[in-house]
Amino acid sequence: MKQIEIFEITSPCIGVCQSGPKGYCLGCFRSRDERLHWTKLEQDVQSKVIKACALRKKRFSQTHSKPTKGTDEQQQISLLD
């Protein structure tokens, strides 16, 4: 049974509109088909797309993040020692 959404789900577009290496938008992380057919999708499908985009963004952030503190590249040299 479908759950009825009270509010319209707005597009997650943030106006970046550039495709990344896997074909997902670097702004909203939707696929080309998800972007093209957004207005025709039912709200339950739109909700699933939003959740999938959040996971894609999380994975992208994890693989493209900078090294954590403690590496030789990020240690600062004290000028007062």
PDB file of N, CA and C in Angstrom:
ATOM      1  N   MET A   1       0.839  -1.181   0.000  1.00  0.00           N
ATOM      2  CA  MET A   1       0.000   0.000   0.000  1.00  0.00           C
ATOM      3  C   MET A   1       0.884   1.244   0.000  1.00  0.00           C
ATOM      4  N   LYS A   2       0.574   2.166  -0.872  1.00  0.00           N
ATOM      5  CA  LYS A   2       1.344   3.401  -0.968  1.00  0.00           C
ATOM      6  C   LYS A   2       0.998   4.346   0.161  1.00  0.00           C
ATOM      7  N   GLN A   3       2.021   5.042   0.623  1.00  0.00           N
ATOM      8  CA  GLN A   3       1.792   6.080   1.627  1.00  0.00           C
ATOM      9  C   GLN A   3       1.576   7.400   0.892  1.00  0.00           C
ATOM     10  N   ILE A   4       0.568   8.114   1.273  1.00  0.00           N
ATOM     11  CA  ILE A   4       0.260   9.389   0.633  1.00  0.00           C
ATOM     12  C   ILE A   4       1.134  10.480   1.234  1.00  0.00           C
ATOM     13  N   GLU A   5       1.804  11.218   0.356  1.00  0.00           N
ATOM     14  CA  GLU A   5       2.618  12.348   0.792  1.00  0.00           C
ATOM     15  C   GLU A   5       1.727  13.576   0.873  1.00  0.00           C
ATOM     16  N   ILE A   6       1.844  14.318   1.943  1.00  0.00           N
ATOM     17  CA  ILE A   6       1.032  15.518   2.115  1.00  0.00           C
ATOM     18  C   ILE A   6       1.615  16.679   1.313  1.00  0.00           C
ATOM     19  N   PHE A   7       2.943  16.778   1.314  1.00  0.00           N
ATOM     20  CA  PHE A   7       3.614  17.877   0.631  1.00  0.00           C
ATOM     21  C   PHE A   7       4.299  17.370  -0.631  1.00  0.00           C
ATOM     22  N   GLU A   8       4.359  18.236  -1.612  1.00  0.00           N
ATOM     23  CA  GLU A   8       5.049  17.910  -2.847  1.00  0.00           C
ATOM     24  C   GLU A   8       6.551  17.829  -2.570  1.00  0.00           C
ATOM     25  N   ILE A   9       7.207  16.846  -3.148  1.00  0.00           N
ATOM     26  CA  ILE A   9       8.654  16.706  -2.995  1.00  0.00           C
ATOM     27  C   ILE A   9       9.303  17.568  -4.061  1.00  0.00           C
ATOM     28  N   THR A  10      10.097  18.528  -3.636  1.00  0.00           N
ATOM     29  CA  THR A  10      10.743  19.425  -4.592  1.00  0.00           C
ATOM     30  C   THR A  10      12.009  18.787  -5.145  1.00  0.00           C
ATOM     31  N   SER A  11      12.412  19.248  -6.278  1.00  0.00           N
ATOM     32  CA  SER A  11      13.614  18.754  -6.928  1.00  0.00           C
ATOM     33  C   SER A  11      14.845  19.047  -6.059  1.00  0.00           C
ATOM     34  N   PRO A  12      15.769  18.091  -5.941  1.00  0.00           N
ATOM     35  CA  PRO A  12      16.976  18.311  -5.154  1.00  0.00           C
ATOM     36  C   PRO A  12      18.049  19.117  -5.894  1.00  0.00           C
ATOM     37  N   CYS A  13      17.731  19.606  -7.074  1.00  0.00           N
ATOM     38  CA  CYS A  13      18.696  20.357  -7.878  1.00  0.00           C
ATOM     39  C   CYS A  13      19.190  21.587  -7.117  1.00  0.00           C
ATOM     40  N   ILE A  14      20.522  21.793  -7.135  1.00  0.00           N
ATOM     41  CA  ILE A  14      21.099  22.982  -6.511  1.00  0.00           C
ATOM     42  C   ILE A  14      21.768  23.884  -7.538  1.00  0.00           C
ATOM     43  N   GLY A  15      21.540  23.576  -8.823  1.00  0.00           N
ATOM     44  CA  GLY A  15      22.028  24.443  -9.885  1.00  0.00           C
ATOM     45  C   GLY A  15      23.455  24.207 -10.330  1.00  0.00           C
ATOM     46  N   VAL A  16      24.085  23.118  -9.905  1.00  0.00           N
ATOM     47  CA  VAL A  16      25.457  22.835 -10.335  1.00  0.00           C
ATOM     48  C   VAL A  16      25.445  22.175 -11.707  1.00  0.00           C
ATOM     49  N   CYS A  17      24.665  21.139 -11.887  1.00  0.00           N
ATOM     50  CA  CYS A  17      24.395  20.497 -13.182  1.00  0.00           C
ATOM     51  C   CYS A  17      25.652  20.128 -13.975  1.00  0.00           C
ATOM     52  N   GLN A  18      26.546  19.377 -13.337  1.00  0.00           N
ATOM     53  CA  GLN A  18      27.735  18.844 -14.005  1.00  0.00           C
ATOM     54  C   GLN A  18      27.800  17.362 -13.725  1.00  0.00           C
ATOM     55  N   SER A  19      28.086  16.573 -14.750  1.00  0.00           N
ATOM     56  CA  SER A  19      28.165  15.137 -14.560  1.00  0.00           C
ATOM     57  C   SER A  19      29.521  14.737 -14.009  1.00  0.00           C
ATOM     58  N   GLY A  20      29.500  13.839 -13.039  1.00  0.00           N
ATOM     59  CA  GLY A  20      30.719  13.313 -12.449  1.00  0.00           C
ATOM     60  C   GLY A  20      31.213  12.113 -13.233  1.00  0.00           C
ATOM     61  N   PRO A  21      32.261  11.457 -12.741  1.00  0.00           N
ATOM     62  CA  PRO A  21      32.858  10.329 -13.461  1.00  0.00           C
ATOM     63  C   PRO A  21      31.913   9.136 -13.643  1.00  0.00           C
ATOM     64  N   LYS A  22      30.935   8.962 -12.781  1.00  0.00           N
ATOM     65  CA  LYS A  22      29.999   7.844 -12.904  1.00  0.00           C
ATOM     66  C   LYS A  22      28.681   8.265 -13.550  1.00  0.00           C
ATOM     67  N   GLY A  23      28.599   9.502 -14.018  1.00  0.00           N
ATOM     68  CA  GLY A  23      27.409   9.969 -14.708  1.00  0.00           C
ATOM     69  C   GLY A  23      26.379  10.646 -13.827  1.00  0.00           C
ATOM     70  N   TYR A  24      26.632  10.687 -12.533  1.00  0.00           N
ATOM     71  CA  TYR A  24      25.704  11.358 -11.623  1.00  0.00           C
ATOM     72  C   TYR A  24      26.040  12.843 -11.563  1.00  0.00           C
ATOM     73  N   CYS A  25      25.022  13.662 -11.362  1.00  0.00           N
ATOM     74  CA  CYS A  25      25.208  15.103 -11.229  1.00  0.00           C
ATOM     75  C   CYS A  25      26.045  15.388  -9.983  1.00  0.00           C
ATOM     76  N   LEU A  26      27.015  16.270 -10.093  1.00  0.00           N
ATOM     77  CA  LEU A  26      27.866  16.612  -8.952  1.00  0.00           C
ATOM     78  C   LEU A  26      27.168  17.544  -7.967  1.00  0.00           C
ATOM     79  N   GLY A  27      26.021  18.068  -8.340  1.00  0.00           N
ATOM     80  CA  GLY A  27      25.265  18.926  -7.438  1.00  0.00           C
ATOM     81  C   GLY A  27      24.248  18.154  -6.618  1.00  0.00           C
ATOM     82  N   CYS A  28      23.400  17.379  -7.297  1.00  0.00           N
ATOM     83  CA  CYS A  28      22.311  16.682  -6.592  1.00  0.00           C
ATOM     84  C   CYS A  28      22.498  15.171  -6.550  1.00  0.00           C
ATOM     85  N   PHE A  29      23.457  14.643  -7.300  1.00  0.00           N
ATOM     86  CA  PHE A  29      23.786  13.217  -7.347  1.00  0.00           C
ATOM     87  C   PHE A  29      22.679  12.352  -7.938  1.00  0.00           C
ATOM     88  N   ARG A  30      21.863  12.940  -8.820  1.00  0.00           N
ATOM     89  CA  ARG A  30      20.877  12.152  -9.553  1.00  0.00           C
ATOM     90  C   ARG A  30      21.477  11.696 -10.870  1.00  0.00           C
ATOM     91  N   SER A  31      20.968  10.572 -11.386  1.00  0.00           N
ATOM     92  CA  SER A  31      21.380  10.105 -12.702  1.00  0.00           C
ATOM     93  C   SER A  31      20.704  10.968 -13.766  1.00  0.00           C
ATOM     94  N   ARG A  32      21.140  10.795 -14.989  1.00  0.00           N
ATOM     95  CA  ARG A  32      20.548  11.565 -16.083  1.00  0.00           C
ATOM     96  C   ARG A  32      19.049  11.276 -16.200  1.00  0.00           C
ATOM     97  N   ASP A  33      18.678   9.999 -16.141  1.00  0.00           N
ATOM     98  CA  ASP A  33      17.259   9.629 -16.233  1.00  0.00           C
ATOM     99  C   ASP A  33      16.451  10.181 -15.070  1.00  0.00           C
ATOM    100  N   GLU A  34      17.033  10.145 -13.874  1.00  0.00           N
ATOM    101  CA  GLU A  34      16.326  10.693 -12.709  1.00  0.00           C
ATOM    102  C   GLU A  34      16.094  12.185 -12.860  1.00  0.00           C
ATOM    103  N   ARG A  35      17.039  12.893 -13.450  1.00  0.00           N
ATOM    104  CA  ARG A  35      16.866  14.340 -13.681  1.00  0.00           C
ATOM    105  C   ARG A  35      15.829  14.596 -14.768  1.00  0.00           C
ATOM    106  N   LEU A  36      15.914  13.854 -15.861  1.00  0.00           N
ATOM    107  CA  LEU A  36      15.007  14.081 -16.989  1.00  0.00           C
ATOM    108  C   LEU A  36      13.552  13.776 -16.658  1.00  0.00           C
ATOM    109  N   HIS A  37      13.305  12.748 -15.864  1.00  0.00           N
ATOM    110  CA  HIS A  37      11.945  12.294 -15.609  1.00  0.00           C
ATOM    111  C   HIS A  37      11.422  12.678 -14.221  1.00  0.00           C
ATOM    112  N   TRP A  38      12.099  13.588 -13.537  1.00  0.00           N
ATOM    113  CA  TRP A  38      11.735  13.940 -12.162  1.00  0.00           C
ATOM    114  C   TRP A  38      10.265  14.320 -12.019  1.00  0.00           C
ATOM    115  N   THR A  39       9.775  15.170 -12.878  1.00  0.00           N
ATOM    116  CA  THR A  39       8.397  15.662 -12.749  1.00  0.00           C
ATOM    117  C   THR A  39       7.363  14.578 -13.039  1.00  0.00           C
ATOM    118  N   LYS A  40       7.753  13.511 -13.748  1.00  0.00           N
ATOM    119  CA  LYS A  40       6.830  12.435 -14.089  1.00  0.00           C
ATOM    120  C   LYS A  40       6.841  11.302 -13.063  1.00  0.00           C
ATOM    121  N   LEU A  41       7.815  11.305 -12.152  1.00  0.00           N
ATOM    122  CA  LEU A  41       7.925  10.244 -11.156  1.00  0.00           C
ATOM    123  C   LEU A  41       6.864  10.409 -10.065  1.00  0.00           C
ATOM    124  N   GLU A  42       6.377   9.281  -9.560  1.00  0.00           N
ATOM    125  CA  GLU A  42       5.454   9.327  -8.430  1.00  0.00           C
ATOM    126  C   GLU A  42       6.228   9.730  -7.184  1.00  0.00           C
ATOM    127  N   GLN A  43       5.533  10.258  -6.188  1.00  0.00           N
ATOM    128  CA  GLN A  43       6.199  10.787  -5.005  1.00  0.00           C
ATOM    129  C   GLN A  43       6.974   9.726  -4.236  1.00  0.00           C
ATOM    130  N   ASP A  44       6.490   8.489  -4.197  1.00  0.00           N
ATOM    131  CA  ASP A  44       7.237   7.452  -3.489  1.00  0.00           C
ATOM    132  C   ASP A  44       8.552   7.142  -4.199  1.00  0.00           C
ATOM    133  N   VAL A  45       8.556   7.229  -5.523  1.00  0.00           N
ATOM    134  CA  VAL A  45       9.783   7.021  -6.286  1.00  0.00           C
ATOM    135  C   VAL A  45      10.724   8.213  -6.084  1.00  0.00           C
ATOM    136  N   GLN A  46      10.182   9.426  -6.080  1.00  0.00           N
ATOM    137  CA  GLN A  46      10.998  10.609  -5.827  1.00  0.00           C
ATOM    138  C   GLN A  46      11.675  10.510  -4.462  1.00  0.00           C
ATOM    139  N   SER A  47      10.943  10.024  -3.477  1.00  0.00           N
ATOM    140  CA  SER A  47      11.498   9.862  -2.139  1.00  0.00           C
ATOM    141  C   SER A  47      12.653   8.863  -2.141  1.00  0.00           C
ATOM    142  N   LYS A  48      12.508   7.778  -2.886  1.00  0.00           N
ATOM    143  CA  LYS A  48      13.580   6.786  -2.996  1.00  0.00           C
ATOM    144  C   LYS A  48      14.795   7.369  -3.716  1.00  0.00           C
ATOM    145  N   VAL A  49      14.557   8.191  -4.719  1.00  0.00           N
ATOM    146  CA  VAL A  49      15.657   8.844  -5.436  1.00  0.00           C
ATOM    147  C   VAL A  49      16.415   9.772  -4.500  1.00  0.00           C
ATOM    148  N   ILE A  50      15.698  10.526  -3.677  1.00  0.00           N
ATOM    149  CA  ILE A  50      16.325  11.431  -2.711  1.00  0.00           C
ATOM    150  C   ILE A  50      17.228  10.639  -1.761  1.00  0.00           C
ATOM    151  N   LYS A  51      16.749   9.507  -1.266  1.00  0.00           N
ATOM    152  CA  LYS A  51      17.542   8.670  -0.359  1.00  0.00           C
ATOM    153  C   LYS A  51      18.765   8.102  -1.069  1.00  0.00           C
ATOM    154  N   ALA A  52      18.595   7.672  -2.314  1.00  0.00           N
ATOM    155  CA  ALA A  52      19.714   7.145  -3.087  1.00  0.00           C
ATOM    156  C   ALA A  52      20.765   8.238  -3.325  1.00  0.00           C
ATOM    157  N   CYS A  53      20.305   9.453  -3.583  1.00  0.00           N
ATOM    158  CA  CYS A  53      21.224  10.579  -3.796  1.00  0.00           C
ATOM    159  C   CYS A  53      22.040  10.867  -2.543  1.00  0.00           C
ATOM    160  N   ALA A  54      21.406  10.767  -1.389  1.00  0.00           N
ATOM    161  CA  ALA A  54      22.121  10.992  -0.124  1.00  0.00           C
ATOM    162  C   ALA A  54      23.223   9.951   0.057  1.00  0.00           C
ATOM    163  N   LEU A  55      22.938   8.698  -0.281  1.00  0.00           N
ATOM    164  CA  LEU A  55      23.959   7.654  -0.186  1.00  0.00           C
ATOM    165  C   LEU A  55      25.089   7.878  -1.190  1.00  0.00           C
ATOM    166  N   ARG A  56      24.734   8.280  -2.397  1.00  0.00           N
ATOM    167  CA  ARG A  56      25.756   8.556  -3.415  1.00  0.00           C
ATOM    168  C   ARG A  56      26.662   9.704  -2.976  1.00  0.00           C
ATOM    169  N   LYS A  57      26.049  10.739  -2.421  1.00  0.00           N
ATOM    170  CA  LYS A  57      26.826  11.896  -1.950  1.00  0.00           C
ATOM    171  C   LYS A  57      27.758  11.482  -0.816  1.00  0.00           C
ATOM    172  N   LYS A  58      27.270  10.655   0.095  1.00  0.00           N
ATOM    173  CA  LYS A  58      28.080  10.193   1.218  1.00  0.00           C
ATOM    174  C   LYS A  58      29.280   9.384   0.714  1.00  0.00           C
ATOM    175  N   ARG A  59      29.028   8.450  -0.214  1.00  0.00           N
ATOM    176  CA  ARG A  59      30.115   7.648  -0.779  1.00  0.00           C
ATOM    177  C   ARG A  59      31.117   8.515  -1.517  1.00  0.00           C
ATOM    178  N   PHE A  60      30.617   9.489  -2.278  1.00  0.00           N
ATOM    179  CA  PHE A  60      31.502  10.390  -3.020  1.00  0.00           C
ATOM    180  C   PHE A  60      32.376  11.190  -2.052  1.00  0.00           C
ATOM    181  N   SER A  61      31.776  11.692  -0.992  1.00  0.00           N
ATOM    182  CA  SER A  61      32.518  12.478  -0.002  1.00  0.00           C
ATOM    183  C   SER A  61      33.591  11.645   0.687  1.00  0.00           C
ATOM    184  N   GLN A  62      33.283  10.386   0.973  1.00  0.00           N
ATOM    185  CA  GLN A  62      34.250   9.513   1.631  1.00  0.00           C
ATOM    186  C   GLN A  62      35.433   9.191   0.732  1.00  0.00           C
ATOM    187  N   THR A  63      35.182   9.004  -0.551  1.00  0.00           N
ATOM    188  CA  THR A  63      36.274   8.641  -1.458  1.00  0.00           C
ATOM    189  C   THR A  63      37.077   9.851  -1.930  1.00  0.00           C
ATOM    190  N   HIS A  64      36.513  11.038  -1.798  1.00  0.00           N
ATOM    191  CA  HIS A  64      37.206  12.240  -2.260  1.00  0.00           C
ATOM    192  C   HIS A  64      37.587  13.185  -1.124  1.00  0.00           C
ATOM    193  N   SER A  65      37.623  12.672   0.100  1.00  0.00           N
ATOM    194  CA  SER A  65      37.976  13.528   1.230  1.00  0.00           C
ATOM    195  C   SER A  65      39.486  13.614   1.377  1.00  0.00           C
ATOM    196  N   LYS A  66      39.934  14.658   2.043  1.00  0.00           N
ATOM    197  CA  LYS A  66      41.353  14.865   2.286  1.00  0.00           C
ATOM    198  C   LYS A  66      41.803  13.961   3.428  1.00  0.00           C
ATOM    199  N   PRO A  67      43.116  13.669   3.517  1.00  0.00           N
ATOM    200  CA  PRO A  67      43.611  12.836   4.613  1.00  0.00           C
ATOM    201  C   PRO A  67      43.333  13.477   5.970  1.00  0.00           C
ATOM    202  N   THR A  68      43.194  12.637   6.963  1.00  0.00           N
ATOM    203  CA  THR A  68      42.918  13.128   8.306  1.00  0.00           C
ATOM    204  C   THR A  68      44.181  13.660   8.955  1.00  0.00           C
ATOM    205  N   LYS A  69      44.010  14.363  10.091  1.00  0.00           N
ATOM    206  CA  LYS A  69      45.152  14.919  10.814  1.00  0.00           C
ATOM    207  C   LYS A  69      46.114  13.817  11.215  1.00  0.00           C
ATOM    208  N   GLY A  70      47.369  14.192  11.360  1.00  0.00           N
ATOM    209  CA  GLY A  70      48.376  13.240  11.786  1.00  0.00           C
ATOM    210  C   GLY A  70      49.281  12.811  10.651  1.00  0.00           C
ATOM    211  N   THR A  71      48.912  13.108   9.416  1.00  0.00           N
ATOM    212  CA  THR A  71      49.791  12.759   8.310  1.00  0.00           C
ATOM    213  C   THR A  71      50.876  13.809   8.188  1.00  0.00           C
ATOM    214  N   ASP A  72      51.952  13.449   7.567  1.00  0.00           N
ATOM    215  CA  ASP A  72      53.085  14.366   7.417  1.00  0.00           C
ATOM    216  C   ASP A  72      52.713  15.608   6.634  1.00  0.00           C
ATOM    217  N   GLU A  73      51.775  15.491   5.688  1.00  0.00           N
ATOM    218  CA  GLU A  73      51.410  16.627   4.851  1.00  0.00           C
ATOM    219  C   GLU A  73      50.680  17.718   5.632  1.00  0.00           C
ATOM    220  N   GLN A  74      49.959  17.352   6.683  1.00  0.00           N
ATOM    221  CA  GLN A  74      49.127  18.326   7.375  1.00  0.00           C
ATOM    222  C   GLN A  74      49.718  18.807   8.691  1.00  0.00           C
ATOM    223  N   GLN A  75      50.837  18.260   9.121  1.00  0.00           N
ATOM    224  CA  GLN A  75      51.412  18.709  10.384  1.00  0.00           C
ATOM    225  C   GLN A  75      52.046  20.072  10.196  1.00  0.00           C
ATOM    226  N   GLN A  76      51.762  20.952  11.135  1.00  0.00           N
ATOM    227  CA  GLN A  76      52.317  22.299  11.079  1.00  0.00           C
ATOM    228  C   GLN A  76      53.627  22.351  11.859  1.00  0.00           C
ATOM    229  N   ILE A  77      54.524  23.140  11.368  1.00  0.00           N
ATOM    230  CA  ILE A  77      55.790  23.341  12.058  1.00  0.00           C
ATOM    231  C   ILE A  77      55.663  24.569  12.930  1.00  0.00           C
ATOM    232  N   SER A  78      56.072  24.457  14.174  1.00  0.00           N
ATOM    233  CA  SER A  78      55.993  25.594  15.087  1.00  0.00           C
ATOM    234  C   SER A  78      57.185  26.501  14.851  1.00  0.00           C
ATOM    235  N   LEU A  79      56.912  27.775  14.672  1.00  0.00           N
ATOM    236  CA  LEU A  79      57.991  28.739  14.457  1.00  0.00           C
ATOM    237  C   LEU A  79      58.567  29.259  15.782  1.00  0.00           C
ATOM    238  N   LEU A  80      57.912  28.942  16.885  1.00  0.00           N
ATOM    239  CA  LEU A  80      58.342  29.468  18.178  1.00  0.00           C
ATOM    240  C   LEU A  80      59.203  28.483  18.964  1.00  0.00           C
ATOM    241  N   ASP A  81      59.382  27.286  18.500  1.00  0.00           N
ATOM    242  CA  ASP A  81      60.183  26.295  19.234  1.00  0.00           C
ATOM    243  C   ASP A  81      61.663  26.441  18.975  1.00  0.00           C
TER     244      ASP A  81
END
